[in-house]
C-alpha atoms as a PDB file:
ATOM      1  CA  UNK A   1     -92.033 -31.471 -25.782  1.00  0.00           C
ATOM      2  CA  UNK A   2     -90.581 -33.515 -22.967  1.00  0.00           C
ATOM      3  CA  UNK A   3     -92.245 -36.658 -21.653  1.00  0.00           C
ATOM      4  CA  UNK A   4     -93.179 -35.330 -18.212  1.00  0.00           C
ATOM      5  CA  UNK A   5     -96.568 -35.808 -16.631  1.00  0.00           C
ATOM      6  CA  UNK A   6     -98.746 -32.746 -17.157  1.00  0.00           C
ATOM      7  CA  UNK A   7    -102.195 -31.597 -16.035  1.00  0.00           C
ATOM      8  CA  UNK A   8    -105.023 -30.948 -18.458  1.00  0.00           C
ATOM      9  CA  UNK A   9    -108.330 -29.401 -17.396  1.00  0.00           C
ATOM     10  CA  UNK A  10    -111.105 -30.021 -19.902  1.00  0.00           C
ATOM     11  CA  UNK A  11    -114.574 -28.536 -20.023  1.00  0.00           C
ATOM     12  CA  UNK A  12    -116.980 -29.594 -22.766  1.00  0.00           C
ATOM     13  CA  UNK A  13    -120.158 -27.658 -23.425  1.00  0.00           C
ATOM     14  CA  UNK A  14    -122.158 -29.693 -25.959  1.00  0.00           C
ATOM     15  CA  UNK A  15    -125.323 -28.441 -27.602  1.00  0.00           C
ATOM     16  CA  UNK A  16    -127.959 -30.922 -28.668  1.00  0.00           C
ATOM     17  CA  UNK A  17    -131.597 -30.743 -29.716  1.00  0.00           C
ATOM     18  CA  UNK A  18    -132.024 -34.445 -28.925  1.00  0.00           C
ATOM     19  CA  UNK A  19    -130.805 -34.876 -25.354  1.00  0.00           C
ATOM     20  CA  UNK A  20    -129.748 -32.999 -22.253  1.00  0.00           C
ATOM     21  CA  UNK A  21    -126.123 -31.798 -22.383  1.00  0.00           C
ATOM     22  CA  UNK A  22    -125.337 -33.472 -19.036  1.00  0.00           C
ATOM     23  CA  UNK A  23    -125.867 -36.912 -20.568  1.00  0.00           C
ATOM     24  CA  UNK A  24    -123.339 -36.056 -23.272  1.00  0.00           C
ATOM     25  CA  UNK A  25    -120.886 -34.740 -20.681  1.00  0.00           C
ATOM     26  CA  UNK A  26    -121.303 -38.095 -18.909  1.00  0.00           C
ATOM     27  CA  UNK A  27    -120.111 -39.797 -22.111  1.00  0.00           C
ATOM     28  CA  UNK A  28    -117.039 -37.533 -22.161  1.00  0.00           C
ATOM     29  CA  UNK A  29    -116.279 -38.428 -18.540  1.00  0.00           C
ATOM     30  CA  UNK A  30    -116.596 -42.130 -19.432  1.00  0.00           C
ATOM     31  CA  UNK A  31    -113.766 -41.642 -21.963  1.00  0.00           C
ATOM     32  CA  UNK A  32    -111.637 -40.169 -19.188  1.00  0.00           C
ATOM     33  CA  UNK A  33    -112.507 -42.992 -16.791  1.00  0.00           C
ATOM     34  CA  UNK A  34    -111.674 -45.646 -19.393  1.00  0.00           C
ATOM     35  CA  UNK A  35    -108.293 -44.015 -20.083  1.00  0.00           C
ATOM     36  CA  UNK A  36    -106.982 -45.263 -16.728  1.00  0.00           C
ATOM     37  CA  UNK A  37    -105.327 -41.897 -16.114  1.00  0.00           C
ATOM     38  CA  UNK A  38    -105.638 -40.140 -12.748  1.00  0.00           C
ATOM     39  CA  UNK A  39    -108.456 -37.581 -12.868  1.00  0.00           C
ATOM     40  CA  UNK A  40    -110.691 -35.425 -10.700  1.00  0.00           C
ATOM     41  CA  UNK A  41    -114.205 -34.435 -11.743  1.00  0.00           C
ATOM     42  CA  UNK A  42    -115.112 -30.925 -10.610  1.00  0.00           C
ATOM     43  CA  UNK A  43    -118.337 -28.928 -11.129  1.00  0.00           C
ATOM     44  CA  UNK A  44    -117.086 -27.024 -14.172  1.00  0.00           C
ATOM     45  CA  UNK A  45    -114.262 -29.139 -15.590  1.00  0.00           C
ATOM     46  CA  UNK A  46    -112.381 -32.376 -15.165  1.00  0.00           C
ATOM     47  CA  UNK A  47    -108.635 -32.404 -14.486  1.00  0.00           C
ATOM     48  CA  UNK A  48    -106.584 -35.287 -15.869  1.00  0.00           C
ATOM     49  CA  UNK A  49    -102.880 -36.029 -15.519  1.00  0.00           C
ATOM     50  CA  UNK A  50    -100.797 -37.863 -18.067  1.00  0.00           C
ATOM     51  CA  UNK A  51     -98.338 -37.468 -20.901  1.00  0.00           C
ATOM     52  CA  UNK A  52     -98.950 -34.842 -23.593  1.00  0.00           C
ATOM     53  CA  UNK A  53     -99.652 -37.281 -26.442  1.00  0.00           C
ATOM     54  CA  UNK A  54    -102.030 -39.515 -24.463  1.00  0.00           C
ATOM     55  CA  UNK A  55    -103.987 -36.505 -23.212  1.00  0.00           C
ATOM     56  CA  UNK A  56    -104.317 -35.037 -26.706  1.00  0.00           C
ATOM     57  CA  UNK A  57    -105.518 -38.429 -28.001  1.00  0.00           C
ATOM     58  CA  UNK A  58    -108.073 -38.462 -25.180  1.00  0.00           C
ATOM     59  CA  UNK A  59    -109.296 -34.959 -26.149  1.00  0.00           C
ATOM     60  CA  UNK A  60    -109.798 -36.184 -29.715  1.00  0.00           C
ATOM     61  CA  UNK A  61    -111.720 -39.235 -28.494  1.00  0.00           C
ATOM     62  CA  UNK A  62    -113.909 -37.046 -26.284  1.00  0.00           C
ATOM     63  CA  UNK A  63    -114.854 -34.959 -29.319  1.00  0.00           C
ATOM     64  CA  UNK A  64    -115.646 -38.070 -31.336  1.00  0.00           C
ATOM     65  CA  UNK A  65    -117.799 -39.531 -28.549  1.00  0.00           C
ATOM     66  CA  UNK A  66    -119.703 -36.293 -28.026  1.00  0.00           C
ATOM     67  CA  UNK A  67    -120.518 -35.975 -31.727  1.00  0.00           C
ATOM     68  CA  UNK A  68    -121.490 -39.655 -31.888  1.00  0.00           C
ATOM     69  CA  UNK A  69    -123.973 -38.929 -29.074  1.00  0.00           C
ATOM     70  CA  UNK A  70    -126.101 -36.236 -30.743  1.00  0.00           C
ATOM     71  CA  UNK A  71    -123.929 -33.161 -30.238  1.00  0.00           C
ATOM     72  CA  UNK A  72    -124.593 -30.622 -32.973  1.00  0.00           C
ATOM     73  CA  UNK A  73    -122.107 -28.039 -31.736  1.00  0.00           C
ATOM     74  CA  UNK A  74    -119.646 -27.904 -28.872  1.00  0.00           C
ATOM     75  CA  UNK A  75    -117.316 -25.543 -27.095  1.00  0.00           C
ATOM     76  CA  UNK A  76    -114.306 -27.237 -25.502  1.00  0.00           C
ATOM     77  CA  UNK A  77    -112.038 -25.377 -23.122  1.00  0.00           C
ATOM     78  CA  UNK A  78    -108.603 -26.712 -22.200  1.00  0.00           C
ATOM     79  CA  UNK A  79    -106.136 -25.542 -19.573  1.00  0.00           C
ATOM     80  CA  UNK A  80    -102.729 -27.191 -19.568  1.00  0.00           C
ATOM     81  CA  UNK A  81    -100.019 -26.960 -16.923  1.00  0.00           C
ATOM     82  CA  UNK A  82     -96.523 -28.155 -17.785  1.00  0.00           C
ATOM     83  CA  UNK A  83     -93.077 -27.877 -16.244  1.00  0.00           C
ATOM     84  CA  UNK A  84     -89.823 -28.059 -18.125  1.00  0.00           C
ATOM     85  CA  UNK A  85     -87.993 -30.551 -15.943  1.00  0.00           C
ATOM     86  CA  UNK A  86     -90.491 -32.200 -13.603  1.00  0.00           C
ATOM     87  CA  UNK A  87     -93.948 -33.714 -13.449  1.00  0.00           C
ATOM     88  CA  UNK A  88     -97.146 -31.834 -12.659  1.00  0.00           C
ATOM     89  CA  UNK A  89     -99.627 -33.861 -10.613  1.00  0.00           C
ATOM     90  CA  UNK A  90    -103.115 -33.269  -9.319  1.00  0.00           C
ATOM     91  CA  UNK A  91    -101.952 -34.232  -5.848  1.00  0.00           C
ATOM     92  CA  UNK A  92     -99.322 -31.453  -5.837  1.00  0.00           C
ATOM     93  CA  UNK A  93    -102.148 -28.933  -5.903  1.00  0.00           C
ATOM     94  CA  UNK A  94    -104.822 -30.773  -3.929  1.00  0.00           C
ATOM     95  CA  UNK A  95    -103.145 -32.661  -1.072  1.00  0.00           C
ATOM     96  CA  UNK A  96    -103.457 -29.832   1.441  1.00  0.00           C
ATOM     97  CA  UNK A  97    -107.230 -29.715   0.870  1.00  0.00           C
ATOM     98  CA  UNK A  98    -107.957 -33.412   1.274  1.00  0.00           C
END
């Protein structure tokens, strides 16, 4: 795996008997915010750009935070865009809409 910047879209769907899932999703978004990586929160998922290893570490931390905050079960959907020889950025896809 090269060291290019990639895009990762993550959607977490936590289930909890103790609190509303949105409050757990907020904890997941806090992990993303604290990472310092560029991101965009959307209604169904959050898109983050960074290097492969740092994004995978962030996904692991998101799981840990969700389970530490009363998640009993969770579905997590990831979409990853990579290129062989150049970076993938959020702005590449979004600039014409802003």
